[in-house]
Amino acid sequence: MPVRTLSPLDRLLAGVERAMEAVAGSPEAARPSPGDTVPEAPMSELERRHAAGLMRINHVGEVCAQALYVGQAALARTDETRAHLMHAAREETDHLAWCAERLSQLDSRPSLLNPLWYAGSYAIGVAAAAIGDPISLGFVVETERQVEAHLAEHLTRLPPQDERSRAILARMQEDEVRHADAAQARGGIALPWPLPRLMQAASAVMKTVAYRI
């Protein structure tokens, strides 16, 4: 059976579908949530709201990851780079679904600003890819390293008894490390100053807003 080559329109429509799923849909995970085997622990209302705020931040992070990867894949110079980015995006879909499920379990909701987060991240992904694959892959490396660091922070900030959320974030952290290593092995280069600092500043704004909204 001949393999169909996707046209730019095909990719655009697929991107729109993925955006709608990330922002307003219910993505399905290919892997079971690491929290499924962990019993729910009682928490006070304050602890539950704090855990939900942290998980909302992580859900926004996964919305942004979807947008970044799809935007980068749209202008990737080689089929190999595009395939690598979309494979990572599929794994990030698991994270998105796990975080959405955990928010529901905590009687909370995703960020109301998810369309804004997605649009901004998609634009950044397209801009990085337009420069070339080495910079685009380097952007993946830097992004995943920063996500790994903030997940480590959240693992210490969760309520002590919330082992269900902690199991999810620990598995996500493992995946982010692997994504960064894979992008670096494929030729990702270090981003020039001050891009890493600007990324950290943008992340700090996102975390502050997403915790509440």
C-alpha atoms as a PDB file:
ATOM      1  CA  MET A   1       0.000   0.000   0.000  1.00  0.00           C
ATOM      2  CA  PRO A   2       1.532   3.374  -0.996  1.00  0.00           C
ATOM      3  CA  VAL A   3       2.359   5.767   1.822  1.00  0.00           C
ATOM      4  CA  ARG A   4       0.689   9.136   1.483  1.00  0.00           C
ATOM      5  CA  THR A   5       2.874  12.208   1.837  1.00  0.00           C
ATOM      6  CA  LEU A   6       1.209  14.848   3.977  1.00  0.00           C
ATOM      7  CA  SER A   7       0.671  18.184   2.285  1.00  0.00           C
ATOM      8  CA  PRO A   8       1.092  21.529   4.096  1.00  0.00           C
ATOM      9  CA  LEU A   9      -2.716  21.677   4.363  1.00  0.00           C
ATOM     10  CA  ASP A  10      -2.783  18.218   5.923  1.00  0.00           C
ATOM     11  CA  ARG A  11      -0.227  19.309   8.495  1.00  0.00           C
ATOM     12  CA  LEU A  12      -2.159  22.518   9.184  1.00  0.00           C
ATOM     13  CA  LEU A  13      -5.405  20.641   9.806  1.00  0.00           C
ATOM     14  CA  ALA A  14      -3.614  18.094  11.998  1.00  0.00           C
ATOM     15  CA  GLY A  15      -2.077  20.957  13.936  1.00  0.00           C
ATOM     16  CA  VAL A  16      -5.458  22.608  14.467  1.00  0.00           C
ATOM     17  CA  GLU A  17      -6.906  19.311  15.699  1.00  0.00           C
ATOM     18  CA  ARG A  18      -4.003  18.826  18.106  1.00  0.00           C
ATOM     19  CA  ALA A  19      -4.382  22.403  19.373  1.00  0.00           C
ATOM     20  CA  MET A  20      -8.079  21.944  20.085  1.00  0.00           C
ATOM     21  CA  GLU A  21      -7.390  18.690  21.889  1.00  0.00           C
ATOM     22  CA  ALA A  22      -4.633  20.237  24.015  1.00  0.00           C
ATOM     23  CA  VAL A  23      -6.588  23.376  24.910  1.00  0.00           C
ATOM     24  CA  ALA A  24     -10.159  22.173  25.289  1.00  0.00           C
ATOM     25  CA  GLY A  25     -10.297  18.435  24.690  1.00  0.00           C
ATOM     26  CA  SER A  26      -9.735  15.294  26.714  1.00  0.00           C
ATOM     27  CA  PRO A  27      -6.508  13.774  25.393  1.00  0.00           C
ATOM     28  CA  GLU A  28      -6.063  10.055  25.863  1.00  0.00           C
ATOM     29  CA  ALA A  29      -2.838   8.739  27.344  1.00  0.00           C
ATOM     30  CA  ALA A  30      -1.093   5.788  25.735  1.00  0.00           C
ATOM     31  CA  ARG A  31       0.371   4.853  29.108  1.00  0.00           C
ATOM     32  CA  PRO A  32      -1.506   4.479  32.397  1.00  0.00           C
ATOM     33  CA  SER A  33      -1.085   7.279  34.893  1.00  0.00           C
ATOM     34  CA  PRO A  34       1.649   6.588  37.458  1.00  0.00           C
ATOM     35  CA  GLY A  35      -0.794   7.810  40.082  1.00  0.00           C
ATOM     36  CA  ASP A  36      -3.351   5.090  39.379  1.00  0.00           C
ATOM     37  CA  THR A  37      -1.724   2.618  41.752  1.00  0.00           C
ATOM     38  CA  VAL A  38      -1.213   5.151  44.538  1.00  0.00           C
ATOM     39  CA  PRO A  39      -4.034   5.509  47.078  1.00  0.00           C
ATOM     40  CA  GLU A  40      -5.613   8.908  47.555  1.00  0.00           C
ATOM     41  CA  ALA A  41      -4.602  10.514  50.840  1.00  0.00           C
ATOM     42  CA  PRO A  42      -6.805  12.862  52.858  1.00  0.00           C
ATOM     43  CA  MET A  43      -5.853  16.533  52.567  1.00  0.00           C
ATOM     44  CA  SER A  44      -7.159  19.709  54.071  1.00  0.00           C
ATOM     45  CA  GLU A  45      -8.930  22.186  51.794  1.00  0.00           C
ATOM     46  CA  LEU A  46      -5.835  24.404  51.807  1.00  0.00           C
ATOM     47  CA  GLU A  47      -3.559  21.482  50.900  1.00  0.00           C
ATOM     48  CA  ARG A  48      -5.911  20.326  48.142  1.00  0.00           C
ATOM     49  CA  ARG A  49      -6.021  23.807  46.611  1.00  0.00           C
ATOM     50  CA  HIS A  50      -2.236  24.080  46.785  1.00  0.00           C
ATOM     51  CA  ALA A  51      -1.760  20.692  45.115  1.00  0.00           C
ATOM     52  CA  ALA A  52      -4.277  21.689  42.439  1.00  0.00           C
ATOM     53  CA  GLY A  53      -2.434  24.953  41.807  1.00  0.00           C
ATOM     54  CA  LEU A  54       0.820  23.095  41.260  1.00  0.00           C
ATOM     55  CA  MET A  55      -0.813  20.517  38.993  1.00  0.00           C
ATOM     56  CA  ARG A  56      -2.479  23.319  37.010  1.00  0.00           C
ATOM     57  CA  ILE A  57       0.978  24.807  36.403  1.00  0.00           C
ATOM     58  CA  ASN A  58       2.189  21.436  35.174  1.00  0.00           C
ATOM     59  CA  HIS A  59      -0.850  21.025  32.963  1.00  0.00           C
ATOM     60  CA  VAL A  60      -0.117  24.436  31.401  1.00  0.00           C
ATOM     61  CA  GLY A  61       3.472  23.291  30.903  1.00  0.00           C
ATOM     62  CA  GLU A  62       2.237  20.320  28.922  1.00  0.00           C
ATOM     63  CA  VAL A  63      -0.098  22.505  26.856  1.00  0.00           C
ATOM     64  CA  CYS A  64       2.933  24.651  26.042  1.00  0.00           C
ATOM     65  CA  ALA A  65       5.014  21.573  25.258  1.00  0.00           C
ATOM     66  CA  GLN A  66       2.421  20.378  22.745  1.00  0.00           C
ATOM     67  CA  ALA A  67       2.413  23.788  21.063  1.00  0.00           C
ATOM     68  CA  LEU A  68       6.214  24.055  21.006  1.00  0.00           C
ATOM     69  CA  TYR A  69       6.734  20.630  19.482  1.00  0.00           C
ATOM     70  CA  VAL A  70       4.004  21.033  16.885  1.00  0.00           C
ATOM     71  CA  GLY A  71       5.263  24.495  15.948  1.00  0.00           C
ATOM     72  CA  GLN A  72       8.822  23.224  15.639  1.00  0.00           C
ATOM     73  CA  ALA A  73       7.748  20.208  13.609  1.00  0.00           C
ATOM     74  CA  ALA A  74       5.832  22.449  11.187  1.00  0.00           C
ATOM     75  CA  LEU A  75       9.076  24.045   9.959  1.00  0.00           C
ATOM     76  CA  ALA A  76      11.566  21.261  10.668  1.00  0.00           C
ATOM     77  CA  ARG A  77      14.161  21.009   7.905  1.00  0.00           C
ATOM     78  CA  THR A  78      14.316  17.201   7.810  1.00  0.00           C
ATOM     79  CA  ASP A  79      11.808  14.383   8.115  1.00  0.00           C
ATOM     80  CA  GLU A  80      13.993  12.839  10.830  1.00  0.00           C
ATOM     81  CA  THR A  81      13.806  15.944  13.010  1.00  0.00           C
ATOM     82  CA  ARG A  82      10.063  16.237  12.398  1.00  0.00           C
ATOM     83  CA  ALA A  83       9.512  12.598  13.365  1.00  0.00           C
ATOM     84  CA  HIS A  84      11.608  13.053  16.508  1.00  0.00           C
ATOM     85  CA  LEU A  85       9.610  16.113  17.574  1.00  0.00           C
ATOM     86  CA  MET A  86       6.245  14.471  16.981  1.00  0.00           C
ATOM     87  CA  HIS A  87       7.296  11.342  18.878  1.00  0.00           C
ATOM     88  CA  ALA A  88       8.188  13.532  21.863  1.00  0.00           C
ATOM     89  CA  ALA A  89       4.866  15.372  21.472  1.00  0.00           C
ATOM     90  CA  ARG A  90       2.984  12.073  21.686  1.00  0.00           C
ATOM     91  CA  GLU A  91       4.728  11.239  24.963  1.00  0.00           C
ATOM     92  CA  GLU A  92       3.930  14.718  26.248  1.00  0.00           C
ATOM     93  CA  THR A  93       0.274  13.948  25.481  1.00  0.00           C
ATOM     94  CA  ASP A  94       0.470  11.335  28.235  1.00  0.00           C
ATOM     95  CA  HIS A  95       1.646  14.037  30.641  1.00  0.00           C
ATOM     96  CA  LEU A  96      -1.185  16.312  29.538  1.00  0.00           C
ATOM     97  CA  ALA A  97      -3.773  13.603  30.154  1.00  0.00           C
ATOM     98  CA  TRP A  98      -2.274  12.618  33.515  1.00  0.00           C
ATOM     99  CA  CYS A  99      -2.295  16.223  34.750  1.00  0.00           C
ATOM    100  CA  ALA A 100      -5.861  16.796  33.515  1.00  0.00           C
ATOM    101  CA  GLU A 101      -7.039  13.658  35.295  1.00  0.00           C
ATOM    102  CA  ARG A 102      -5.285  14.661  38.506  1.00  0.00           C
ATOM    103  CA  LEU A 103      -6.840  18.131  38.406  1.00  0.00           C
ATOM    104  CA  SER A 104     -10.264  16.511  38.152  1.00  0.00           C
ATOM    105  CA  GLN A 105      -9.460  14.251  41.107  1.00  0.00           C
ATOM    106  CA  LEU A 106      -8.510  17.348  43.085  1.00  0.00           C
ATOM    107  CA  ASP A 107     -11.860  18.968  42.187  1.00  0.00           C
ATOM    108  CA  SER A 108     -10.118  21.631  40.151  1.00  0.00           C
ATOM    109  CA  ARG A 109      -9.760  22.725  36.530  1.00  0.00           C
ATOM    110  CA  PRO A 110      -7.119  23.596  33.929  1.00  0.00           C
ATOM    111  CA  SER A 111      -5.981  27.183  33.384  1.00  0.00           C
ATOM    112  CA  LEU A 112      -8.554  29.467  31.798  1.00  0.00           C
ATOM    113  CA  LEU A 113      -5.728  30.978  29.751  1.00  0.00           C
ATOM    114  CA  ASN A 114      -4.748  27.767  27.953  1.00  0.00           C
ATOM    115  CA  PRO A 115      -5.569  29.183  24.481  1.00  0.00           C
ATOM    116  CA  LEU A 116      -3.170  32.053  25.167  1.00  0.00           C
ATOM    117  CA  TRP A 117      -0.444  29.747  26.484  1.00  0.00           C
ATOM    118  CA  TYR A 118      -0.801  27.503  23.427  1.00  0.00           C
ATOM    119  CA  ALA A 119      -0.726  30.326  20.880  1.00  0.00           C
ATOM    120  CA  GLY A 120       2.345  31.938  22.400  1.00  0.00           C
ATOM    121  CA  SER A 121       4.246  28.665  22.654  1.00  0.00           C
ATOM    122  CA  TYR A 122       3.355  27.693  19.095  1.00  0.00           C
ATOM    123  CA  ALA A 123       4.736  31.006  17.829  1.00  0.00           C
ATOM    124  CA  ILE A 124       7.952  30.445  19.771  1.00  0.00           C
ATOM    125  CA  GLY A 125       8.266  26.930  18.341  1.00  0.00           C
ATOM    126  CA  VAL A 126       7.816  28.168  14.779  1.00  0.00           C
ATOM    127  CA  ALA A 127      10.375  30.936  15.334  1.00  0.00           C
ATOM    128  CA  ALA A 128      12.941  28.483  16.728  1.00  0.00           C
ATOM    129  CA  ALA A 129      12.412  26.061  13.847  1.00  0.00           C
ATOM    130  CA  ALA A 130      12.741  28.845  11.267  1.00  0.00           C
ATOM    131  CA  ILE A 131      16.342  29.413  12.380  1.00  0.00           C
ATOM    132  CA  GLY A 132      17.290  25.804  11.748  1.00  0.00           C
ATOM    133  CA  ASP A 133      17.173  22.320  13.247  1.00  0.00           C
ATOM    134  CA  PRO A 134      20.266  22.675  15.521  1.00  0.00           C
ATOM    135  CA  ILE A 135      18.765  25.722  17.258  1.00  0.00           C
ATOM    136  CA  SER A 136      15.311  24.131  17.285  1.00  0.00           C
ATOM    137  CA  LEU A 137      16.661  20.993  18.950  1.00  0.00           C
ATOM    138  CA  GLY A 138      18.749  23.138  21.284  1.00  0.00           C
ATOM    139  CA  PHE A 139      15.539  24.888  22.282  1.00  0.00           C
ATOM    140  CA  VAL A 140      14.083  21.479  23.162  1.00  0.00           C
ATOM    141  CA  VAL A 141      17.131  20.711  25.304  1.00  0.00           C
ATOM    142  CA  GLU A 142      16.935  23.999  27.217  1.00  0.00           C
ATOM    143  CA  THR A 143      13.154  23.774  27.629  1.00  0.00           C
ATOM    144  CA  GLU A 144      13.275  20.241  28.976  1.00  0.00           C
ATOM    145  CA  ARG A 145      16.140  21.067  31.360  1.00  0.00           C
ATOM    146  CA  GLN A 146      14.123  23.947  32.779  1.00  0.00           C
ATOM    147  CA  VAL A 147      10.998  21.783  33.058  1.00  0.00           C
ATOM    148  CA  GLU A 148      13.036  19.107  34.823  1.00  0.00           C
ATOM    149  CA  ALA A 149      14.173  21.718  37.355  1.00  0.00           C
ATOM    150  CA  HIS A 150      10.692  23.044  38.065  1.00  0.00           C
ATOM    151  CA  LEU A 151       9.311  19.516  38.437  1.00  0.00           C
ATOM    152  CA  ALA A 152      12.020  18.854  41.033  1.00  0.00           C
ATOM    153  CA  GLU A 153      10.850  21.989  42.856  1.00  0.00           C
ATOM    154  CA  HIS A 154       7.206  20.908  42.730  1.00  0.00           C
ATOM    155  CA  LEU A 155       8.070  17.461  44.083  1.00  0.00           C
ATOM    156  CA  THR A 156       9.232  19.195  47.262  1.00  0.00           C
ATOM    157  CA  ARG A 157       6.338  21.684  47.397  1.00  0.00           C
ATOM    158  CA  LEU A 158       3.452  19.213  47.157  1.00  0.00           C
ATOM    159  CA  PRO A 159       1.659  18.381  50.412  1.00  0.00           C
ATOM    160  CA  PRO A 160       3.677  15.578  52.053  1.00  0.00           C
ATOM    161  CA  GLN A 161       0.817  13.089  51.844  1.00  0.00           C
ATOM    162  CA  ASP A 162      -0.006  13.731  48.177  1.00  0.00           C
ATOM    163  CA  GLU A 163       1.940  10.765  46.844  1.00  0.00           C
ATOM    164  CA  ARG A 164      -0.427  10.372  43.896  1.00  0.00           C
ATOM    165  CA  SER A 165       0.555  13.727  42.392  1.00  0.00           C
ATOM    166  CA  ARG A 166       4.184  13.069  43.338  1.00  0.00           C
ATOM    167  CA  ALA A 167       4.223   9.777  41.384  1.00  0.00           C
ATOM    168  CA  ILE A 168       2.929  11.559  38.277  1.00  0.00           C
ATOM    169  CA  LEU A 169       5.510  14.349  38.459  1.00  0.00           C
ATOM    170  CA  ALA A 170       8.368  11.909  39.069  1.00  0.00           C
ATOM    171  CA  ARG A 171       7.512   9.959  35.898  1.00  0.00           C
ATOM    172  CA  MET A 172       7.148  13.190  33.942  1.00  0.00           C
ATOM    173  CA  GLN A 173      10.571  14.287  35.157  1.00  0.00           C
ATOM    174  CA  GLU A 174      12.125  11.046  33.898  1.00  0.00           C
ATOM    175  CA  ASP A 175      10.577  11.579  30.464  1.00  0.00           C
ATOM    176  CA  GLU A 176      11.755  15.204  30.263  1.00  0.00           C
ATOM    177  CA  VAL A 177      15.344  14.152  30.979  1.00  0.00           C
ATOM    178  CA  ARG A 178      15.127  11.572  28.215  1.00  0.00           C
ATOM    179  CA  HIS A 179      13.678  14.086  25.744  1.00  0.00           C
ATOM    180  CA  ALA A 180      16.471  16.562  26.470  1.00  0.00           C
ATOM    181  CA  ASP A 181      19.170  13.917  26.071  1.00  0.00           C
ATOM    182  CA  ALA A 182      17.652  12.697  22.795  1.00  0.00           C
ATOM    183  CA  ALA A 183      17.441  16.219  21.341  1.00  0.00           C
ATOM    184  CA  GLN A 184      21.045  16.899  22.307  1.00  0.00           C
ATOM    185  CA  ALA A 185      22.179  13.626  20.747  1.00  0.00           C
ATOM    186  CA  ARG A 186      20.443  14.629  17.502  1.00  0.00           C
ATOM    187  CA  GLY A 187      22.496  17.806  17.233  1.00  0.00           C
ATOM    188  CA  GLY A 188      20.844  20.345  19.490  1.00  0.00           C
ATOM    189  CA  ILE A 189      23.207  23.196  20.316  1.00  0.00           C
ATOM    190  CA  ALA A 190      23.417  25.493  23.335  1.00  0.00           C
ATOM    191  CA  LEU A 191      21.211  28.557  22.968  1.00  0.00           C
ATOM    192  CA  PRO A 192      22.965  31.929  22.879  1.00  0.00           C
ATOM    193  CA  TRP A 193      22.633  34.322  25.795  1.00  0.00           C
ATOM    194  CA  PRO A 194      20.200  35.762  26.816  1.00  0.00           C
ATOM    195  CA  LEU A 195      17.644  33.242  25.498  1.00  0.00           C
ATOM    196  CA  PRO A 196      17.835  30.836  28.476  1.00  0.00           C
ATOM    197  CA  ARG A 197      17.294  33.745  30.896  1.00  0.00           C
ATOM    198  CA  LEU A 198      14.358  35.042  28.885  1.00  0.00           C
ATOM    199  CA  MET A 199      12.840  31.550  28.896  1.00  0.00           C
ATOM    200  CA  GLN A 200      13.222  31.398  32.677  1.00  0.00           C
ATOM    201  CA  ALA A 201      11.555  34.803  33.060  1.00  0.00           C
ATOM    202  CA  ALA A 202       8.624  33.791  30.841  1.00  0.00           C
ATOM    203  CA  SER A 203       8.279  30.537  32.775  1.00  0.00           C
ATOM    204  CA  ALA A 204       8.173  32.408  36.075  1.00  0.00           C
ATOM    205  CA  VAL A 205       5.311  34.588  34.823  1.00  0.00           C
ATOM    206  CA  MET A 206       3.420  31.544  33.554  1.00  0.00           C
ATOM    207  CA  LYS A 207       3.798  29.698  36.865  1.00  0.00           C
ATOM    208  CA  THR A 208       2.634  32.680  38.910  1.00  0.00           C
ATOM    209  CA  VAL A 209      -0.472  33.219  36.776  1.00  0.00           C
ATOM    210  CA  ALA A 210      -1.374  29.560  36.159  1.00  0.00           C
ATOM    211  CA  TYR A 211      -1.263  28.707  39.871  1.00  0.00           C
ATOM    212  CA  ARG A 212      -4.376  30.850  40.336  1.00  0.00           C
ATOM    213  CA  ILE A 213      -6.060  31.204  36.930  1.00  0.00           C
END
